[in-house]
Amino acid sequence: MNDTTQLHMQPFPAHLSEACEWLSAAERHDANPADAPAIRALITASEVLTALTDVAPPYPRVNERRPPLPLGAVLPTVHDALDRAATGAGTDVELRLRIAKAMRLLADHDPSDGVP
């Protein structure tokens, strides 16, 4: 008997995928455990990534091809990609709400917290 379960996934919108790749790079950044602001930056990157990818059916796994970088180094690229994703053709209300939540989380992040 074959008990293989097929997991159905939805396509990952290109600009959202790009933003998530950079957030993954920030999440994988090797922060000093004694540096509270840097740790908060890692947590922020993780929270934003979760807000963007918590969907059903799921997106494919986020590509980890970007090298680990601090959140401050990737913020401009993340913001640009999220802006393009929010205004892209075919962007539905649910995705726009997730992008808005992600942008709010990024805005709430204290820029002095581990951001160069």
Protein backbone atom coordinates (compact mmCIF):
# COMPACT_ATOMS: atom_id res chain seq x y z
CA MET A 1 0.00 0.00 0.00
CA ASN A 2 1.31 3.45 -0.91
CA ASP A 3 0.80 6.07 1.82
CA THR A 4 2.50 8.88 -0.07
CA THR A 5 0.80 12.20 0.55
CA GLN A 6 1.05 14.80 -2.16
CA LEU A 7 1.48 18.34 -0.80
CA HIS A 8 -0.05 20.90 -3.10
CA MET A 9 1.72 24.24 -3.26
CA GLN A 10 0.80 27.56 -4.78
CA PRO A 11 3.16 29.57 -6.97
CA PHE A 12 5.46 31.97 -5.13
CA PRO A 13 4.92 35.48 -6.61
CA ALA A 14 8.29 36.62 -7.98
CA HIS A 15 8.66 39.89 -6.05
CA LEU A 16 7.45 38.30 -2.84
CA SER A 17 9.91 35.46 -3.33
CA GLU A 18 12.71 38.01 -3.77
CA ALA A 19 11.76 39.81 -0.54
CA CYS A 20 11.63 36.50 1.30
CA GLU A 21 15.07 35.47 0.01
CA TRP A 22 16.57 38.65 1.46
CA LEU A 23 14.68 38.24 4.73
CA SER A 24 15.99 34.68 4.93
CA ALA A 25 19.50 36.07 4.49
CA ALA A 26 18.88 38.42 7.43
CA GLU A 27 17.38 35.62 9.50
CA ARG A 28 20.47 33.45 8.88
CA HIS A 29 22.91 36.25 9.75
CA ASP A 30 25.33 35.14 12.47
CA ALA A 31 24.61 37.63 15.26
CA ASN A 32 26.59 37.85 18.45
CA PRO A 33 24.38 36.23 21.14
CA ALA A 34 25.41 38.97 23.60
CA ASP A 35 24.26 41.72 21.21
CA ALA A 36 20.58 42.21 22.06
CA PRO A 37 19.86 44.64 19.18
CA ALA A 38 21.30 42.18 16.64
CA ILE A 39 19.23 39.35 18.12
CA ARG A 40 16.09 41.52 17.90
CA ALA A 41 16.92 42.13 14.22
CA LEU A 42 17.05 38.35 13.64
CA ILE A 43 13.69 37.96 15.38
CA THR A 44 12.19 40.75 13.28
CA ALA A 45 13.41 39.12 10.07
CA SER A 46 11.88 35.83 11.20
CA GLU A 47 8.55 37.43 12.13
CA VAL A 48 8.32 39.25 8.81
CA LEU A 49 9.22 36.11 6.87
CA THR A 50 6.51 34.19 8.74
CA ALA A 51 3.92 36.92 8.09
CA LEU A 52 4.64 36.74 4.37
CA THR A 53 4.75 32.96 3.96
CA ASP A 54 1.99 31.73 6.30
CA VAL A 55 -0.40 30.68 3.55
CA ALA A 56 -2.47 27.66 2.57
CA PRO A 57 -1.66 25.96 0.35
CA PRO A 58 1.96 26.80 1.13
CA TYR A 59 4.54 28.41 -1.09
CA PRO A 60 7.63 26.39 -2.00
CA ARG A 61 10.52 26.65 0.43
CA VAL A 62 12.28 30.04 0.41
CA ASN A 63 15.45 29.92 -1.66
CA GLU A 64 18.52 30.44 0.55
CA ARG A 65 20.88 31.50 -2.26
CA ARG A 66 21.50 34.94 -0.74
CA PRO A 67 24.46 35.15 1.65
CA PRO A 68 23.65 35.88 5.30
CA LEU A 69 23.53 39.66 5.88
CA PRO A 70 22.33 41.94 8.67
CA LEU A 71 18.74 43.15 8.46
CA GLY A 72 19.85 46.74 7.87
CA ALA A 73 21.78 45.71 4.77
CA VAL A 74 18.75 44.05 3.16
CA LEU A 75 15.99 46.47 4.19
CA PRO A 76 16.08 48.69 1.07
CA THR A 77 15.87 45.66 -1.22
CA VAL A 78 13.11 44.06 0.89
CA HIS A 79 11.06 47.28 0.85
CA ASP A 80 11.48 47.63 -2.92
CA ALA A 81 10.46 44.01 -3.57
CA LEU A 82 7.44 44.29 -1.26
CA ASP A 83 6.35 47.52 -2.96
CA ARG A 84 6.53 45.78 -6.34
CA ALA A 85 4.67 42.73 -4.98
CA ALA A 86 1.90 44.90 -3.52
CA THR A 87 1.32 46.78 -6.76
CA GLY A 88 1.82 43.88 -9.13
CA ALA A 89 -0.88 42.66 -11.44
CA GLY A 90 -2.86 39.83 -9.90
CA THR A 91 -1.98 40.71 -6.31
CA ASP A 92 -5.03 39.79 -4.25
CA VAL A 93 -6.32 41.40 -1.07
CA GLU A 94 -4.94 38.63 1.15
CA LEU A 95 -1.41 39.13 -0.16
CA ARG A 96 -1.70 42.92 0.18
CA LEU A 97 -2.75 42.46 3.83
CA ARG A 98 0.23 40.18 4.51
CA ILE A 99 2.55 42.71 2.87
CA ALA A 100 1.03 45.52 4.96
CA LYS A 101 1.61 43.47 8.13
CA ALA A 102 5.20 42.79 7.07
CA MET A 103 5.82 46.48 6.38
CA ARG A 104 4.37 47.38 9.79
CA LEU A 105 6.66 44.86 11.51
CA LEU A 106 9.64 46.32 9.69
CA ALA A 107 8.58 49.87 10.55
CA ASP A 108 8.12 48.92 14.23
CA HIS A 109 11.66 47.55 14.32
CA ASP A 110 13.87 50.12 16.05
CA PRO A 111 16.49 51.13 13.44
CA SER A 112 19.14 51.18 16.15
CA ASP A 113 18.49 47.50 16.89
CA GLY A 114 21.21 45.71 15.00
CA VAL A 115 20.74 47.74 11.86
CA PRO A 116 23.96 49.33 10.61
